[in-house]
Amino acid sequence: MSANSLAELLLDAPIIAAVKNDDGLRQALDSHSAAIFLLYGTVCSVGSLAEQVRARGKQAFVHIDLVDGLACRDVAVDFIRQHTPADGIISTRQNIIRRGRECGLTTIQRFFVHDSLALENILRQPNDADFIDILPGTIPKTLRRLSQSVRRPLIASGLLSDKEDILNALGAGAIAVSATTPALWFL
């Protein structure tokens, strides 16, 4: 799936299920989410996890930094591309994002905005990712500033606990939100 196709998909279903375990995945597969962020797995299980997501007609995104047994090297991206049906990858690392784009995967670079220095680094850093994922997602003023500056679609993640948080993030310029709270996947 191309980045443009994902952006269009998220316009209709802007809540992404972010799953941390098998129970969460089971719930996410039945949810309204059109995309699922796989925030767990091992080198032995990640292919099967992505297959389950794709079998339900949903897009699968593997947070490559969190897959046990994979190093944060280019070869890890090659492994995901060659041995899983994942549509894309998530990473905090620029080299992983760059390799993901080279391999034709949709890429999502995750940033933790914990202070003004982190924010400035995002604004200064050249970015090759198709999407930018900002954590925490409950910072509308910062999301608004970034959405006007980074020129990439934003996804807001982390600390979203209710419909108001989701609406605030979307209203501030995020095109989608990623949540680990199953109740939010059914809104």
N, C-alpha and C. Protein backbone atom coordinates (compact mmCIF):
# COMPACT_ATOMS: atom_id res chain seq x y z
N MET A 1 0.86 -1.17 0.00
CA MET A 1 0.00 0.00 0.00
C MET A 1 0.90 1.23 0.00
N SER A 2 0.54 2.20 -0.81
CA SER A 2 1.32 3.43 -0.85
C SER A 2 0.93 4.35 0.30
N ALA A 3 1.80 5.32 0.56
CA ALA A 3 1.51 6.29 1.62
C ALA A 3 0.23 7.06 1.32
N ASN A 4 0.01 7.41 0.05
CA ASN A 4 -1.22 8.13 -0.30
C ASN A 4 -2.45 7.29 -0.04
N SER A 5 -2.37 5.99 -0.34
CA SER A 5 -3.49 5.10 -0.09
C SER A 5 -3.78 4.99 1.41
N LEU A 6 -2.72 4.91 2.20
CA LEU A 6 -2.90 4.85 3.65
C LEU A 6 -3.53 6.14 4.16
N ALA A 7 -3.07 7.27 3.68
CA ALA A 7 -3.64 8.55 4.11
C ALA A 7 -5.13 8.61 3.79
N GLU A 8 -5.52 8.12 2.62
CA GLU A 8 -6.94 8.10 2.26
C GLU A 8 -7.72 7.14 3.16
N LEU A 9 -7.14 5.99 3.45
CA LEU A 9 -7.77 5.02 4.33
C LEU A 9 -8.00 5.61 5.73
N LEU A 10 -7.01 6.36 6.22
CA LEU A 10 -7.11 6.95 7.55
C LEU A 10 -8.12 8.09 7.62
N LEU A 11 -8.44 8.69 6.50
CA LEU A 11 -9.50 9.71 6.50
C LEU A 11 -10.84 9.10 6.89
N ASP A 12 -11.08 7.86 6.47
CA ASP A 12 -12.33 7.18 6.80
C ASP A 12 -12.29 6.45 8.13
N ALA A 13 -11.10 6.02 8.55
CA ALA A 13 -10.95 5.26 9.80
C ALA A 13 -9.71 5.77 10.53
N PRO A 14 -9.81 6.92 11.21
CA PRO A 14 -8.62 7.56 11.77
C PRO A 14 -8.10 7.00 13.09
N ILE A 15 -8.71 5.95 13.61
CA ILE A 15 -8.22 5.37 14.86
C ILE A 15 -7.47 4.08 14.53
N ILE A 16 -6.18 4.09 14.81
CA ILE A 16 -5.31 2.94 14.55
C ILE A 16 -5.18 2.14 15.85
N ALA A 17 -5.43 0.85 15.77
CA ALA A 17 -5.25 -0.01 16.94
C ALA A 17 -3.76 -0.31 17.09
N ALA A 18 -3.20 0.05 18.23
CA ALA A 18 -1.80 -0.25 18.54
C ALA A 18 -1.81 -1.37 19.56
N VAL A 19 -1.27 -2.52 19.17
CA VAL A 19 -1.40 -3.70 20.03
C VAL A 19 -0.06 -4.12 20.61
N LYS A 20 -0.12 -4.54 21.89
CA LYS A 20 1.09 -4.91 22.63
C LYS A 20 1.15 -6.38 22.99
N ASN A 21 0.08 -7.14 22.67
CA ASN A 21 0.07 -8.56 23.01
C ASN A 21 -1.02 -9.27 22.20
N ASP A 22 -1.07 -10.60 22.33
CA ASP A 22 -2.02 -11.39 21.54
C ASP A 22 -3.47 -11.05 21.86
N ASP A 23 -3.77 -10.79 23.14
CA ASP A 23 -5.15 -10.43 23.50
C ASP A 23 -5.55 -9.13 22.82
N GLY A 24 -4.67 -8.15 22.84
CA GLY A 24 -4.94 -6.89 22.15
C GLY A 24 -5.14 -7.09 20.66
N LEU A 25 -4.34 -7.97 20.07
CA LEU A 25 -4.48 -8.23 18.63
C LEU A 25 -5.84 -8.84 18.33
N ARG A 26 -6.28 -9.80 19.13
CA ARG A 26 -7.60 -10.41 18.92
C ARG A 26 -8.69 -9.34 18.93
N GLN A 27 -8.63 -8.42 19.87
CA GLN A 27 -9.63 -7.36 19.94
C GLN A 27 -9.51 -6.41 18.75
N ALA A 28 -8.28 -6.08 18.37
CA ALA A 28 -8.06 -5.14 17.25
C ALA A 28 -8.57 -5.72 15.93
N LEU A 29 -8.44 -7.02 15.77
CA LEU A 29 -8.91 -7.64 14.53
C LEU A 29 -10.41 -7.48 14.35
N ASP A 30 -11.15 -7.36 15.45
CA ASP A 30 -12.60 -7.17 15.39
C ASP A 30 -13.01 -5.69 15.45
N SER A 31 -12.05 -4.81 15.57
CA SER A 31 -12.34 -3.39 15.75
C SER A 31 -12.65 -2.68 14.43
N HIS A 32 -12.97 -1.40 14.54
CA HIS A 32 -13.23 -0.55 13.37
C HIS A 32 -11.94 -0.04 12.74
N SER A 33 -10.82 -0.32 13.35
CA SER A 33 -9.53 0.17 12.84
C SER A 33 -9.21 -0.49 11.49
N ALA A 34 -8.76 0.32 10.54
CA ALA A 34 -8.36 -0.20 9.24
C ALA A 34 -6.87 -0.51 9.20
N ALA A 35 -6.15 -0.02 10.20
CA ALA A 35 -4.71 -0.27 10.30
C ALA A 35 -4.38 -0.67 11.73
N ILE A 36 -3.39 -1.54 11.85
CA ILE A 36 -2.96 -2.00 13.16
C ILE A 36 -1.46 -1.83 13.28
N PHE A 37 -1.04 -1.21 14.39
CA PHE A 37 0.38 -1.10 14.72
C PHE A 37 0.74 -2.28 15.62
N LEU A 38 1.65 -3.11 15.16
CA LEU A 38 2.13 -4.25 15.94
C LEU A 38 3.32 -3.77 16.77
N LEU A 39 3.10 -3.61 18.08
CA LEU A 39 4.11 -3.10 18.99
C LEU A 39 4.75 -4.22 19.80
N TYR A 40 4.74 -5.42 19.28
CA TYR A 40 5.32 -6.58 19.96
C TYR A 40 5.61 -7.66 18.93
N GLY A 41 6.23 -8.69 19.39
CA GLY A 41 6.49 -9.85 18.54
C GLY A 41 7.94 -10.24 18.61
N THR A 42 8.23 -11.37 18.02
CA THR A 42 9.59 -11.86 17.93
C THR A 42 9.91 -12.10 16.46
N VAL A 43 11.15 -12.34 16.19
CA VAL A 43 11.54 -12.64 14.82
C VAL A 43 10.80 -13.90 14.34
N CYS A 44 10.44 -14.77 15.25
CA CYS A 44 9.73 -16.00 14.89
C CYS A 44 8.23 -15.79 14.69
N SER A 45 7.64 -14.78 15.32
CA SER A 45 6.18 -14.62 15.28
C SER A 45 5.69 -13.45 14.44
N VAL A 46 6.55 -12.51 14.10
CA VAL A 46 6.08 -11.28 13.46
C VAL A 46 5.40 -11.54 12.11
N GLY A 47 5.88 -12.53 11.37
CA GLY A 47 5.23 -12.85 10.09
C GLY A 47 3.81 -13.33 10.28
N SER A 48 3.61 -14.21 11.26
CA SER A 48 2.28 -14.72 11.56
C SER A 48 1.35 -13.62 12.05
N LEU A 49 1.87 -12.71 12.89
CA LEU A 49 1.06 -11.61 13.39
C LEU A 49 0.59 -10.73 12.24
N ALA A 50 1.51 -10.39 11.35
CA ALA A 50 1.14 -9.55 10.20
C ALA A 50 0.16 -10.28 9.29
N GLU A 51 0.32 -11.59 9.13
CA GLU A 51 -0.62 -12.37 8.32
C GLU A 51 -2.03 -12.32 8.88
N GLN A 52 -2.15 -12.40 10.22
CA GLN A 52 -3.48 -12.32 10.85
C GLN A 52 -4.15 -10.98 10.54
N VAL A 53 -3.37 -9.92 10.60
CA VAL A 53 -3.90 -8.58 10.33
C VAL A 53 -4.35 -8.49 8.87
N ARG A 54 -3.50 -8.90 7.96
CA ARG A 54 -3.81 -8.81 6.53
C ARG A 54 -5.01 -9.70 6.17
N ALA A 55 -5.12 -10.87 6.82
CA ALA A 55 -6.22 -11.78 6.54
C ALA A 55 -7.57 -11.15 6.88
N ARG A 56 -7.58 -10.19 7.78
CA ARG A 56 -8.81 -9.49 8.16
C ARG A 56 -9.03 -8.23 7.32
N GLY A 57 -8.19 -8.03 6.30
CA GLY A 57 -8.36 -6.88 5.41
C GLY A 57 -7.87 -5.58 6.00
N LYS A 58 -7.02 -5.67 7.02
CA LYS A 58 -6.47 -4.48 7.66
C LYS A 58 -5.01 -4.32 7.29
N GLN A 59 -4.51 -3.11 7.39
CA GLN A 59 -3.11 -2.83 7.09
C GLN A 59 -2.25 -3.12 8.32
N ALA A 60 -1.11 -3.75 8.12
CA ALA A 60 -0.22 -4.15 9.21
C ALA A 60 1.07 -3.32 9.17
N PHE A 61 1.38 -2.71 10.32
CA PHE A 61 2.61 -1.92 10.46
C PHE A 61 3.39 -2.47 11.65
N VAL A 62 4.61 -2.88 11.39
CA VAL A 62 5.46 -3.49 12.40
C VAL A 62 6.38 -2.43 12.99
N HIS A 63 6.32 -2.28 14.32
CA HIS A 63 7.27 -1.38 15.00
C HIS A 63 8.56 -2.18 15.13
N ILE A 64 9.42 -1.99 14.18
CA ILE A 64 10.62 -2.81 14.03
C ILE A 64 11.54 -2.73 15.24
N ASP A 65 11.55 -1.59 15.93
CA ASP A 65 12.41 -1.44 17.12
C ASP A 65 11.97 -2.35 18.26
N LEU A 66 10.73 -2.81 18.23
CA LEU A 66 10.16 -3.60 19.33
C LEU A 66 10.08 -5.09 19.03
N VAL A 67 10.52 -5.52 17.87
CA VAL A 67 10.49 -6.94 17.53
C VAL A 67 11.71 -7.60 18.15
N ASP A 68 11.45 -8.50 19.08
CA ASP A 68 12.53 -9.20 19.78
C ASP A 68 13.29 -10.08 18.79
N GLY A 69 14.61 -9.93 18.78
CA GLY A 69 15.45 -10.73 17.89
C GLY A 69 15.91 -10.00 16.65
N LEU A 70 15.37 -8.80 16.40
CA LEU A 70 15.83 -7.98 15.27
C LEU A 70 16.70 -6.85 15.79
N ALA A 71 17.81 -6.63 15.14
CA ALA A 71 18.67 -5.48 15.46
C ALA A 71 18.19 -4.30 14.64
N CYS A 72 18.53 -3.13 15.06
CA CYS A 72 18.11 -1.92 14.32
C CYS A 72 19.11 -1.64 13.20
N ARG A 73 19.15 -2.58 12.27
CA ARG A 73 20.02 -2.47 11.11
C ARG A 73 19.18 -2.66 9.85
N ASP A 74 19.74 -2.26 8.74
CA ASP A 74 19.03 -2.36 7.46
C ASP A 74 18.52 -3.77 7.18
N VAL A 75 19.29 -4.77 7.54
CA VAL A 75 18.90 -6.15 7.28
C VAL A 75 17.59 -6.51 7.98
N ALA A 76 17.28 -5.87 9.09
CA ALA A 76 16.01 -6.11 9.77
C ALA A 76 14.84 -5.67 8.90
N VAL A 77 15.00 -4.56 8.22
CA VAL A 77 13.97 -4.09 7.29
C VAL A 77 13.83 -5.07 6.13
N ASP A 78 14.96 -5.53 5.62
CA ASP A 78 14.93 -6.52 4.54
C ASP A 78 14.17 -7.76 4.98
N PHE A 79 14.40 -8.18 6.23
CA PHE A 79 13.70 -9.35 6.76
C PHE A 79 12.18 -9.12 6.76
N ILE A 80 11.74 -7.97 7.27
CA ILE A 80 10.31 -7.66 7.31
C ILE A 80 9.73 -7.67 5.90
N ARG A 81 10.44 -7.08 4.97
CA ARG A 81 9.97 -7.01 3.58
C ARG A 81 9.87 -8.39 2.94
N GLN A 82 10.86 -9.22 3.17
CA GLN A 82 10.92 -10.51 2.47
C GLN A 82 10.14 -11.62 3.16
N HIS A 83 9.94 -11.52 4.48
CA HIS A 83 9.38 -12.66 5.21
C HIS A 83 8.06 -12.36 5.92
N THR A 84 7.48 -11.20 5.68
CA THR A 84 6.18 -10.88 6.26
C THR A 84 5.32 -10.17 5.22
N PRO A 85 4.02 -10.18 5.41
CA PRO A 85 3.15 -9.41 4.52
C PRO A 85 2.88 -7.99 5.02
N ALA A 86 3.73 -7.48 5.91
CA ALA A 86 3.50 -6.15 6.50
C ALA A 86 3.46 -5.08 5.40
N ASP A 87 2.57 -4.11 5.61
CA ASP A 87 2.45 -2.99 4.68
C ASP A 87 3.52 -1.93 4.94
N GLY A 88 3.99 -1.89 6.18
CA GLY A 88 4.97 -0.86 6.50
C GLY A 88 5.62 -1.10 7.84
N ILE A 89 6.50 -0.16 8.16
CA ILE A 89 7.26 -0.25 9.41
C ILE A 89 7.15 1.06 10.19
N ILE A 90 7.37 0.94 11.48
CA ILE A 90 7.46 2.07 12.40
C ILE A 90 8.83 1.97 13.04
N SER A 91 9.50 3.12 13.20
CA SER A 91 10.79 3.12 13.89
C SER A 91 11.10 4.53 14.37
N THR A 92 11.96 4.60 15.37
CA THR A 92 12.47 5.89 15.83
C THR A 92 13.79 6.21 15.12
N ARG A 93 14.30 5.29 14.36
CA ARG A 93 15.63 5.43 13.77
C ARG A 93 15.58 5.82 12.29
N GLN A 94 16.32 6.84 11.95
CA GLN A 94 16.34 7.36 10.58
C GLN A 94 16.87 6.34 9.58
N ASN A 95 17.91 5.57 9.94
CA ASN A 95 18.45 4.59 8.98
C ASN A 95 17.42 3.51 8.65
N ILE A 96 16.60 3.14 9.62
CA ILE A 96 15.57 2.13 9.40
C ILE A 96 14.49 2.69 8.47
N ILE A 97 14.11 3.93 8.70
CA ILE A 97 13.11 4.58 7.86
C ILE A 97 13.63 4.68 6.42
N ARG A 98 14.85 5.11 6.25
CA ARG A 98 15.43 5.25 4.92
C ARG A 98 15.42 3.90 4.19
N ARG A 99 15.83 2.84 4.87
CA ARG A 99 15.86 1.51 4.25
C ARG A 99 14.44 1.04 3.94
N GLY A 100 13.51 1.34 4.82
CA GLY A 100 12.11 0.97 4.56
C GLY A 100 11.59 1.59 3.28
N ARG A 101 11.89 2.84 3.06
CA ARG A 101 11.47 3.51 1.82
C ARG A 101 12.14 2.86 0.61
N GLU A 102 13.43 2.54 0.74
CA GLU A 102 14.15 1.88 -0.36
C GLU A 102 13.51 0.53 -0.71
N CYS A 103 12.97 -0.14 0.28
CA CYS A 103 12.35 -1.45 0.08
C CYS A 103 10.88 -1.35 -0.35
N GLY A 104 10.35 -0.15 -0.45
CA GLY A 104 8.97 0.03 -0.88
C GLY A 104 7.93 -0.12 0.20
N LEU A 105 8.35 -0.10 1.46
CA LEU A 105 7.40 -0.16 2.57
C LEU A 105 6.93 1.25 2.92
N THR A 106 5.71 1.38 3.41
CA THR A 106 5.26 2.64 3.96
C THR A 106 5.95 2.82 5.30
N THR A 107 6.49 4.01 5.53
CA THR A 107 7.31 4.24 6.73
C THR A 107 6.67 5.27 7.66
N ILE A 108 6.77 4.98 8.94
CA ILE A 108 6.25 5.86 9.99
C ILE A 108 7.37 6.07 10.99
N GLN A 109 7.84 7.32 11.10
CA GLN A 109 8.89 7.59 12.07
C GLN A 109 8.26 8.13 13.34
N ARG A 110 8.61 7.51 14.44
CA ARG A 110 8.05 7.84 15.75
C ARG A 110 9.00 8.77 16.49
N PHE A 111 8.43 9.86 17.04
CA PHE A 111 9.20 10.81 17.83
C PHE A 111 8.53 10.99 19.18
N PHE A 112 9.35 11.07 20.21
CA PHE A 112 8.87 11.36 21.55
C PHE A 112 9.16 12.83 21.83
N VAL A 113 8.11 13.63 22.02
CA VAL A 113 8.28 15.06 22.28
C VAL A 113 8.16 15.26 23.78
N HIS A 114 9.31 15.22 24.45
CA HIS A 114 9.30 15.33 25.91
C HIS A 114 9.77 16.70 26.39
N ASP A 115 10.31 17.51 25.49
CA ASP A 115 10.71 18.87 25.86
C ASP A 115 10.91 19.69 24.59
N SER A 116 11.23 20.97 24.76
CA SER A 116 11.37 21.87 23.61
C SER A 116 12.55 21.49 22.72
N LEU A 117 13.60 20.93 23.30
CA LEU A 117 14.74 20.50 22.50
C LEU A 117 14.34 19.37 21.54
N ALA A 118 13.57 18.42 22.03
CA ALA A 118 13.09 17.33 21.18
C ALA A 118 12.23 17.88 20.04
N LEU A 119 11.39 18.84 20.35
CA LEU A 119 10.56 19.47 19.32
C LEU A 119 11.41 20.16 18.26
N GLU A 120 12.40 20.91 18.69
CA GLU A 120 13.28 21.59 17.74
C GLU A 120 14.05 20.60 16.87
N ASN A 121 14.45 19.49 17.43
CA ASN A 121 15.15 18.47 16.65
C ASN A 121 14.27 17.91 15.55
N ILE A 122 13.00 17.72 15.83
CA ILE A 122 12.06 17.24 14.81
C ILE A 122 11.95 18.26 13.69
N LEU A 123 11.85 19.53 14.06
CA LEU A 123 11.68 20.58 13.06
C LEU A 123 12.93 20.77 12.20
N ARG A 124 14.11 20.55 12.77
CA ARG A 124 15.37 20.74 12.04
C ARG A 124 15.77 19.53 11.22
N GLN A 125 15.40 18.38 11.66
CA GLN A 125 15.88 17.14 11.05
C GLN A 125 15.20 16.89 9.71
N PRO A 126 15.99 16.59 8.67
CA PRO A 126 15.34 16.17 7.42
C PRO A 126 14.64 14.84 7.67
N ASN A 127 13.50 14.64 7.06
CA ASN A 127 12.76 13.42 7.34
C ASN A 127 12.36 12.73 6.06
N ASP A 128 12.66 11.45 5.97
CA ASP A 128 12.36 10.64 4.80
C ASP A 128 11.08 9.81 4.98
N ALA A 129 10.50 9.84 6.16
CA ALA A 129 9.34 8.99 6.45
C ALA A 129 8.10 9.47 5.70
N ASP A 130 7.21 8.52 5.45
CA ASP A 130 5.92 8.87 4.84
C ASP A 130 5.00 9.53 5.85
N PHE A 131 5.09 9.13 7.12
CA PHE A 131 4.26 9.66 8.19
C PHE A 131 5.14 9.92 9.40
N ILE A 132 4.74 10.87 10.21
CA ILE A 132 5.40 11.19 11.46
C ILE A 132 4.43 10.82 12.59
N ASP A 133 4.90 10.06 13.55
CA ASP A 133 4.09 9.63 14.69
C ASP A 133 4.62 10.35 15.92
N ILE A 134 3.78 11.18 16.53
CA ILE A 134 4.18 12.03 17.65
C ILE A 134 3.60 11.48 18.95
N LEU A 135 4.47 11.33 19.94
CA LEU A 135 4.05 10.91 21.26
C LEU A 135 4.48 11.95 22.29
N PRO A 136 3.70 12.31 23.25
CA PRO A 136 2.33 11.84 23.43
C PRO A 136 1.38 12.57 22.47
N GLY A 137 0.27 11.90 22.19
CA GLY A 137 -0.70 12.45 21.26
C GLY A 137 -1.66 13.44 21.89
N THR A 138 -1.46 13.77 23.15
CA THR A 138 -2.37 14.67 23.87
C THR A 138 -1.82 16.07 23.97
N ILE A 139 -1.07 16.51 22.97
CA ILE A 139 -0.46 17.84 22.99
C ILE A 139 -0.90 18.62 21.75
N PRO A 140 -2.15 19.07 21.70
CA PRO A 140 -2.69 19.70 20.50
C PRO A 140 -1.89 20.91 20.00
N LYS A 141 -1.42 21.74 20.90
CA LYS A 141 -0.67 22.94 20.47
C LYS A 141 0.59 22.53 19.72
N THR A 142 1.28 21.53 20.21
CA THR A 142 2.49 21.05 19.55
C THR A 142 2.14 20.33 18.25
N LEU A 143 1.08 19.56 18.24
CA LEU A 143 0.64 18.90 17.01
C LEU A 143 0.33 19.93 15.93
N ARG A 144 -0.35 21.00 16.32
CA ARG A 144 -0.69 22.06 15.37
C ARG A 144 0.58 22.67 14.76
N ARG A 145 1.55 22.97 15.61
CA ARG A 145 2.81 23.55 15.14
C ARG A 145 3.53 22.60 14.18
N LEU A 146 3.60 21.34 14.55
CA LEU A 146 4.27 20.36 13.70
C LEU A 146 3.54 20.13 12.38
N SER A 147 2.21 20.08 12.43
CA SER A 147 1.45 19.83 11.20
C SER A 147 1.66 20.94 10.18
N GLN A 148 1.98 22.13 10.65
CA GLN A 148 2.23 23.25 9.74
C GLN A 148 3.68 23.30 9.27
N SER A 149 4.56 22.53 9.90
CA SER A 149 5.99 22.64 9.60
C SER A 149 6.62 21.42 8.95
N VAL A 150 6.23 20.23 9.32
CA VAL A 150 6.97 19.05 8.86
C VAL A 150 6.58 18.56 7.47
N ARG A 151 5.47 18.98 6.95
CA ARG A 151 5.04 18.63 5.61
C ARG A 151 4.88 17.12 5.38
N ARG A 152 4.57 16.41 6.43
CA ARG A 152 4.27 14.99 6.38
C ARG A 152 3.01 14.77 7.21
N PRO A 153 2.18 13.81 6.83
CA PRO A 153 1.00 13.54 7.65
C PRO A 153 1.41 13.11 9.06
N LEU A 154 0.70 13.62 10.06
CA LEU A 154 1.00 13.32 11.46
C LEU A 154 0.01 12.30 12.01
N ILE A 155 0.52 11.40 12.82
CA ILE A 155 -0.27 10.47 13.60
C ILE A 155 0.03 10.80 15.06
N ALA A 156 -1.00 10.93 15.88
CA ALA A 156 -0.82 11.23 17.30
C ALA A 156 -0.99 9.93 18.09
N SER A 157 -0.03 9.63 18.96
CA SER A 157 -0.05 8.38 19.72
C SER A 157 0.29 8.64 21.17
N GLY A 158 -0.12 7.77 22.04
CA GLY A 158 0.28 7.82 23.43
C GLY A 158 -0.59 8.70 24.30
N LEU A 159 -0.99 8.16 25.41
CA LEU A 159 -1.77 8.84 26.45
C LEU A 159 -3.17 9.27 26.00
N LEU A 160 -3.65 8.78 24.89
CA LEU A 160 -5.02 9.08 24.46
C LEU A 160 -5.96 8.17 25.26
N SER A 161 -6.88 8.78 26.00
CA SER A 161 -7.71 7.96 26.88
C SER A 161 -9.20 8.02 26.59
N ASP A 162 -9.63 8.98 25.77
CA ASP A 162 -11.06 9.08 25.50
C ASP A 162 -11.33 9.79 24.17
N LYS A 163 -12.60 9.89 23.83
CA LYS A 163 -13.00 10.50 22.56
C LYS A 163 -12.54 11.96 22.47
N GLU A 164 -12.57 12.67 23.57
CA GLU A 164 -12.13 14.07 23.57
C GLU A 164 -10.66 14.18 23.17
N ASP A 165 -9.81 13.30 23.69
CA ASP A 165 -8.39 13.31 23.30
C ASP A 165 -8.24 13.09 21.80
N ILE A 166 -9.01 12.16 21.28
CA ILE A 166 -8.94 11.85 19.85
C ILE A 166 -9.38 13.05 19.02
N LEU A 167 -10.50 13.64 19.39
CA LEU A 167 -11.00 14.80 18.64
C LEU A 167 -10.03 15.98 18.73
N ASN A 168 -9.42 16.18 19.90
CA ASN A 168 -8.44 17.26 20.04
C ASN A 168 -7.23 17.04 19.14
N ALA A 169 -6.74 15.81 19.09
CA ALA A 169 -5.58 15.51 18.24
C ALA A 169 -5.92 15.67 16.76
N LEU A 170 -7.08 15.17 16.36
CA LEU A 170 -7.48 15.32 14.96
C LEU A 170 -7.73 16.78 14.61
N GLY A 171 -8.32 17.52 15.53
CA GLY A 171 -8.57 18.94 15.32
C GLY A 171 -7.30 19.78 15.26
N ALA A 172 -6.22 19.26 15.84
CA ALA A 172 -4.95 19.99 15.86
C ALA A 172 -4.09 19.68 14.63
N GLY A 173 -4.57 18.81 13.76
CA GLY A 173 -3.83 18.57 12.53
C GLY A 173 -3.37 17.15 12.30
N ALA A 174 -3.55 16.25 13.28
CA ALA A 174 -3.20 14.85 13.05
C ALA A 174 -4.21 14.25 12.08
N ILE A 175 -3.74 13.38 11.19
CA ILE A 175 -4.69 12.73 10.28
C ILE A 175 -5.26 11.46 10.89
N ALA A 176 -4.60 10.96 11.95
CA ALA A 176 -5.05 9.75 12.62
C ALA A 176 -4.45 9.72 14.02
N VAL A 177 -4.98 8.83 14.83
CA VAL A 177 -4.43 8.59 16.16
C VAL A 177 -4.17 7.10 16.30
N SER A 178 -3.20 6.75 17.12
CA SER A 178 -2.89 5.36 17.43
C SER A 178 -3.12 5.21 18.92
N ALA A 179 -3.91 4.22 19.30
CA ALA A 179 -4.24 4.04 20.71
C ALA A 179 -4.10 2.58 21.11
N THR A 180 -3.65 2.35 22.34
CA THR A 180 -3.56 0.99 22.86
C THR A 180 -4.77 0.62 23.71
N THR A 181 -5.72 1.51 23.83
CA THR A 181 -6.93 1.27 24.61
C THR A 181 -8.01 0.67 23.72
N PRO A 182 -8.33 -0.63 23.90
CA PRO A 182 -9.29 -1.27 23.00
C PRO A 182 -10.63 -0.55 22.88
N ALA A 183 -11.14 0.04 23.92
CA ALA A 183 -12.43 0.72 23.83
C ALA A 183 -12.42 1.83 22.78
N LEU A 184 -11.28 2.44 22.56
CA LEU A 184 -11.17 3.53 21.57
C LEU A 184 -11.20 2.99 20.14
N TRP A 185 -10.84 1.74 19.94
CA TRP A 185 -10.81 1.18 18.59
C TRP A 185 -12.20 1.00 17.99
N PHE A 186 -13.21 1.07 18.84
CA PHE A 186 -14.57 0.83 18.40
C PHE A 186 -15.40 2.11 18.30
N LEU A 187 -14.77 3.26 18.46
CA LEU A 187 -15.49 4.53 18.36
C LEU A 187 -15.90 4.82 16.93
